[in-house]
Amino acid sequence: MTDHHDAHHQVEPPRRRRARKPTPIGSPRVEPPEEAEARARTAEEKRRANLRFVIEFAQRIRRESDLYHFTHTRRWDHRPGRWTAEQVEQARQFLHGFLQPDGTPQPDPIRRKGRWRV
């Protein structure tokens, strides 16, 4: 009975780890710090340009308060300069929902006959 019991509890020899394969010749190269910095700078410039567009577009179609509400309910930073590129894109998509199929903005629900409601 002990032979049967010992057969189930045999200790396996430790497994050997495979040695790392050498890096193939056509593998991606390590990016120098100068190139990484230039790429990051370009991405930041693009994010800021998109952010400026989103804010100007919200002002043009008179939906700044809707944009503020959208960002506030999602608990984004209250300073647009700190929004990520993904957040800027979400804000752009949100504002484009206020365009009619012909490309004109929806009427502002607060304005009537050119006067602000008080």
C-alpha atoms as a PDB file:
ATOM      1  CA  MET A   1       0.000   0.000   0.000  1.00  0.00           C
ATOM      2  CA  THR A   2       2.904   2.295   0.584  1.00  0.00           C
ATOM      3  CA  ASP A   3       4.197   1.721  -2.956  1.00  0.00           C
ATOM      4  CA  HIS A   4       0.892   2.882  -4.402  1.00  0.00           C
ATOM      5  CA  HIS A   5       0.812   5.876  -2.068  1.00  0.00           C
ATOM      6  CA  ASP A   6       4.403   6.879  -2.939  1.00  0.00           C
ATOM      7  CA  ALA A   7       3.700   6.693  -6.669  1.00  0.00           C
ATOM      8  CA  HIS A   8       1.230   9.578  -6.449  1.00  0.00           C
ATOM      9  CA  HIS A   9       3.525  11.829  -4.435  1.00  0.00           C
ATOM     10  CA  GLN A  10       6.730  11.649  -6.380  1.00  0.00           C
ATOM     11  CA  VAL A  11       8.586  14.911  -6.557  1.00  0.00           C
ATOM     12  CA  GLU A  12       9.235  16.115 -10.089  1.00  0.00           C
ATOM     13  CA  PRO A  13      12.729  17.349 -10.890  1.00  0.00           C
ATOM     14  CA  PRO A  14      12.921  21.150 -11.235  1.00  0.00           C
ATOM     15  CA  ARG A  15      12.256  22.371 -14.745  1.00  0.00           C
ATOM     16  CA  ARG A  16      15.018  24.124 -16.570  1.00  0.00           C
ATOM     17  CA  ARG A  17      14.335  27.579 -17.901  1.00  0.00           C
ATOM     18  CA  ARG A  18      14.895  28.143 -21.542  1.00  0.00           C
ATOM     19  CA  ALA A  19      17.722  30.438 -22.428  1.00  0.00           C
ATOM     20  CA  ARG A  20      16.662  33.684 -24.081  1.00  0.00           C
ATOM     21  CA  LYS A  21      16.877  33.627 -27.800  1.00  0.00           C
ATOM     22  CA  PRO A  22      19.290  36.108 -29.303  1.00  0.00           C
ATOM     23  CA  THR A  23      17.640  39.170 -30.794  1.00  0.00           C
ATOM     24  CA  PRO A  24      17.001  38.602 -34.496  1.00  0.00           C
ATOM     25  CA  ILE A  25      18.637  40.960 -36.967  1.00  0.00           C
ATOM     26  CA  GLY A  26      15.314  42.411 -38.203  1.00  0.00           C
ATOM     27  CA  SER A  27      14.000  43.134 -34.686  1.00  0.00           C
ATOM     28  CA  PRO A  28      12.826  46.606 -33.686  1.00  0.00           C
ATOM     29  CA  ARG A  29      15.650  48.840 -32.636  1.00  0.00           C
ATOM     30  CA  VAL A  30      15.855  50.704 -29.385  1.00  0.00           C
ATOM     31  CA  GLU A  31      14.725  54.277 -29.907  1.00  0.00           C
ATOM     32  CA  PRO A  32      17.330  56.888 -28.973  1.00  0.00           C
ATOM     33  CA  PRO A  33      16.197  59.381 -26.301  1.00  0.00           C
ATOM     34  CA  GLU A  34      16.294  62.277 -28.775  1.00  0.00           C
ATOM     35  CA  GLU A  35      13.824  60.561 -31.101  1.00  0.00           C
ATOM     36  CA  ALA A  36      11.557  59.553 -28.221  1.00  0.00           C
ATOM     37  CA  GLU A  37      11.538  63.131 -26.946  1.00  0.00           C
ATOM     38  CA  ALA A  38      10.774  64.521 -30.420  1.00  0.00           C
ATOM     39  CA  ARG A  39       7.934  62.012 -30.860  1.00  0.00           C
ATOM     40  CA  ALA A  40       6.477  62.925 -27.439  1.00  0.00           C
ATOM     41  CA  ARG A  41       6.755  66.638 -28.267  1.00  0.00           C
ATOM     42  CA  THR A  42       4.935  66.077 -31.560  1.00  0.00           C
ATOM     43  CA  ALA A  43       2.167  64.103 -29.821  1.00  0.00           C
ATOM     44  CA  GLU A  44       1.760  66.870 -27.224  1.00  0.00           C
ATOM     45  CA  GLU A  45       1.556  69.548 -29.946  1.00  0.00           C
ATOM     46  CA  LYS A  46      -1.074  67.492 -31.750  1.00  0.00           C
ATOM     47  CA  ARG A  47      -3.076  67.044 -28.522  1.00  0.00           C
ATOM     48  CA  ARG A  48      -2.993  70.789 -27.821  1.00  0.00           C
ATOM     49  CA  ALA A  49      -4.056  71.641 -31.378  1.00  0.00           C
ATOM     50  CA  ASN A  50      -6.972  69.198 -31.121  1.00  0.00           C
ATOM     51  CA  LEU A  51      -7.918  70.660 -27.735  1.00  0.00           C
ATOM     52  CA  ARG A  52      -7.918  74.198 -29.143  1.00  0.00           C
ATOM     53  CA  PHE A  53     -10.127  72.998 -32.008  1.00  0.00           C
ATOM     54  CA  VAL A  54     -12.601  71.337 -29.600  1.00  0.00           C
ATOM     55  CA  ILE A  55     -12.917  74.446 -27.428  1.00  0.00           C
ATOM     56  CA  GLU A  56     -13.265  76.790 -30.420  1.00  0.00           C
ATOM     57  CA  PHE A  57     -15.828  74.441 -31.981  1.00  0.00           C
ATOM     58  CA  ALA A  58     -17.849  74.372 -28.733  1.00  0.00           C
ATOM     59  CA  GLN A  59     -17.820  78.186 -28.687  1.00  0.00           C
ATOM     60  CA  ARG A  60     -18.773  78.417 -32.360  1.00  0.00           C
ATOM     61  CA  ILE A  61     -21.808  76.141 -31.996  1.00  0.00           C
ATOM     62  CA  ARG A  62     -22.666  77.671 -28.595  1.00  0.00           C
ATOM     63  CA  ARG A  63     -22.249  74.411 -26.643  1.00  0.00           C
ATOM     64  CA  GLU A  64     -19.551  75.371 -24.152  1.00  0.00           C
ATOM     65  CA  SER A  65     -21.832  74.749 -21.176  1.00  0.00           C
ATOM     66  CA  ASP A  66     -22.797  71.335 -22.577  1.00  0.00           C
ATOM     67  CA  LEU A  67     -19.107  70.497 -22.960  1.00  0.00           C
ATOM     68  CA  TYR A  68     -18.464  71.633 -19.379  1.00  0.00           C
ATOM     69  CA  HIS A  69     -21.330  69.440 -18.131  1.00  0.00           C
ATOM     70  CA  PHE A  70     -20.058  66.468 -20.191  1.00  0.00           C
ATOM     71  CA  THR A  71     -16.570  66.739 -18.728  1.00  0.00           C
ATOM     72  CA  HIS A  72     -17.810  67.446 -15.196  1.00  0.00           C
ATOM     73  CA  THR A  73     -20.082  64.378 -15.079  1.00  0.00           C
ATOM     74  CA  ARG A  74     -17.178  62.196 -16.218  1.00  0.00           C
ATOM     75  CA  ARG A  75     -14.961  63.669 -13.485  1.00  0.00           C
ATOM     76  CA  TRP A  76     -12.297  64.918 -15.862  1.00  0.00           C
ATOM     77  CA  ASP A  77      -9.834  67.521 -14.695  1.00  0.00           C
ATOM     78  CA  HIS A  78     -11.465  70.958 -14.658  1.00  0.00           C
ATOM     79  CA  ARG A  79      -8.524  72.344 -16.629  1.00  0.00           C
ATOM     80  CA  PRO A  80      -8.784  71.318 -20.289  1.00  0.00           C
ATOM     81  CA  GLY A  81      -4.989  71.502 -20.640  1.00  0.00           C
ATOM     82  CA  ARG A  82      -4.761  68.379 -18.497  1.00  0.00           C
ATOM     83  CA  TRP A  83      -7.148  66.284 -20.594  1.00  0.00           C
ATOM     84  CA  THR A  84      -5.604  63.284 -22.293  1.00  0.00           C
ATOM     85  CA  ALA A  85      -5.679  62.842 -26.063  1.00  0.00           C
ATOM     86  CA  GLU A  86      -8.425  60.206 -25.620  1.00  0.00           C
ATOM     87  CA  GLN A  87     -10.526  62.645 -23.567  1.00  0.00           C
ATOM     88  CA  VAL A  88     -10.099  65.374 -26.187  1.00  0.00           C
ATOM     89  CA  GLU A  89     -11.305  62.915 -28.840  1.00  0.00           C
ATOM     90  CA  GLN A  90     -14.321  61.955 -26.705  1.00  0.00           C
ATOM     91  CA  ALA A  91     -15.171  65.642 -26.266  1.00  0.00           C
ATOM     92  CA  ARG A  92     -14.929  66.170 -30.037  1.00  0.00           C
ATOM     93  CA  GLN A  93     -17.256  63.244 -30.701  1.00  0.00           C
ATOM     94  CA  PHE A  94     -19.692  64.566 -28.086  1.00  0.00           C
ATOM     95  CA  LEU A  95     -19.817  68.004 -29.727  1.00  0.00           C
ATOM     96  CA  HIS A  96     -20.297  66.529 -33.202  1.00  0.00           C
ATOM     97  CA  GLY A  97     -23.501  64.974 -31.849  1.00  0.00           C
ATOM     98  CA  PHE A  98     -24.957  68.497 -31.821  1.00  0.00           C
ATOM     99  CA  LEU A  99     -24.605  68.865 -35.590  1.00  0.00           C
ATOM    100  CA  GLN A 100     -27.602  68.282 -37.805  1.00  0.00           C
ATOM    101  CA  PRO A 101     -27.239  65.985 -40.839  1.00  0.00           C
ATOM    102  CA  ASP A 102     -26.678  69.003 -43.101  1.00  0.00           C
ATOM    103  CA  GLY A 103     -23.743  70.123 -40.926  1.00  0.00           C
ATOM    104  CA  THR A 104     -25.445  73.066 -39.217  1.00  0.00           C
ATOM    105  CA  PRO A 105     -25.527  73.173 -35.415  1.00  0.00           C
ATOM    106  CA  GLN A 106     -28.749  72.386 -33.604  1.00  0.00           C
ATOM    107  CA  PRO A 107     -30.595  75.445 -32.367  1.00  0.00           C
ATOM    108  CA  ASP A 108     -29.499  76.588 -28.944  1.00  0.00           C
ATOM    109  CA  PRO A 109     -32.355  75.713 -26.566  1.00  0.00           C
ATOM    110  CA  ILE A 110     -31.629  78.751 -24.348  1.00  0.00           C
ATOM    111  CA  ARG A 111     -31.886  81.423 -27.072  1.00  0.00           C
ATOM    112  CA  ARG A 112     -35.219  82.547 -28.465  1.00  0.00           C
ATOM    113  CA  LYS A 113     -35.632  85.234 -31.099  1.00  0.00           C
ATOM    114  CA  GLY A 114     -32.054  86.409 -30.631  1.00  0.00           C
ATOM    115  CA  ARG A 115     -32.450  87.206 -26.924  1.00  0.00           C
ATOM    116  CA  TRP A 116     -31.210  85.372 -23.868  1.00  0.00           C
ATOM    117  CA  ARG A 117     -33.808  84.065 -21.446  1.00  0.00           C
ATOM    118  CA  VAL A 118     -33.399  85.458 -17.969  1.00  0.00           C
END
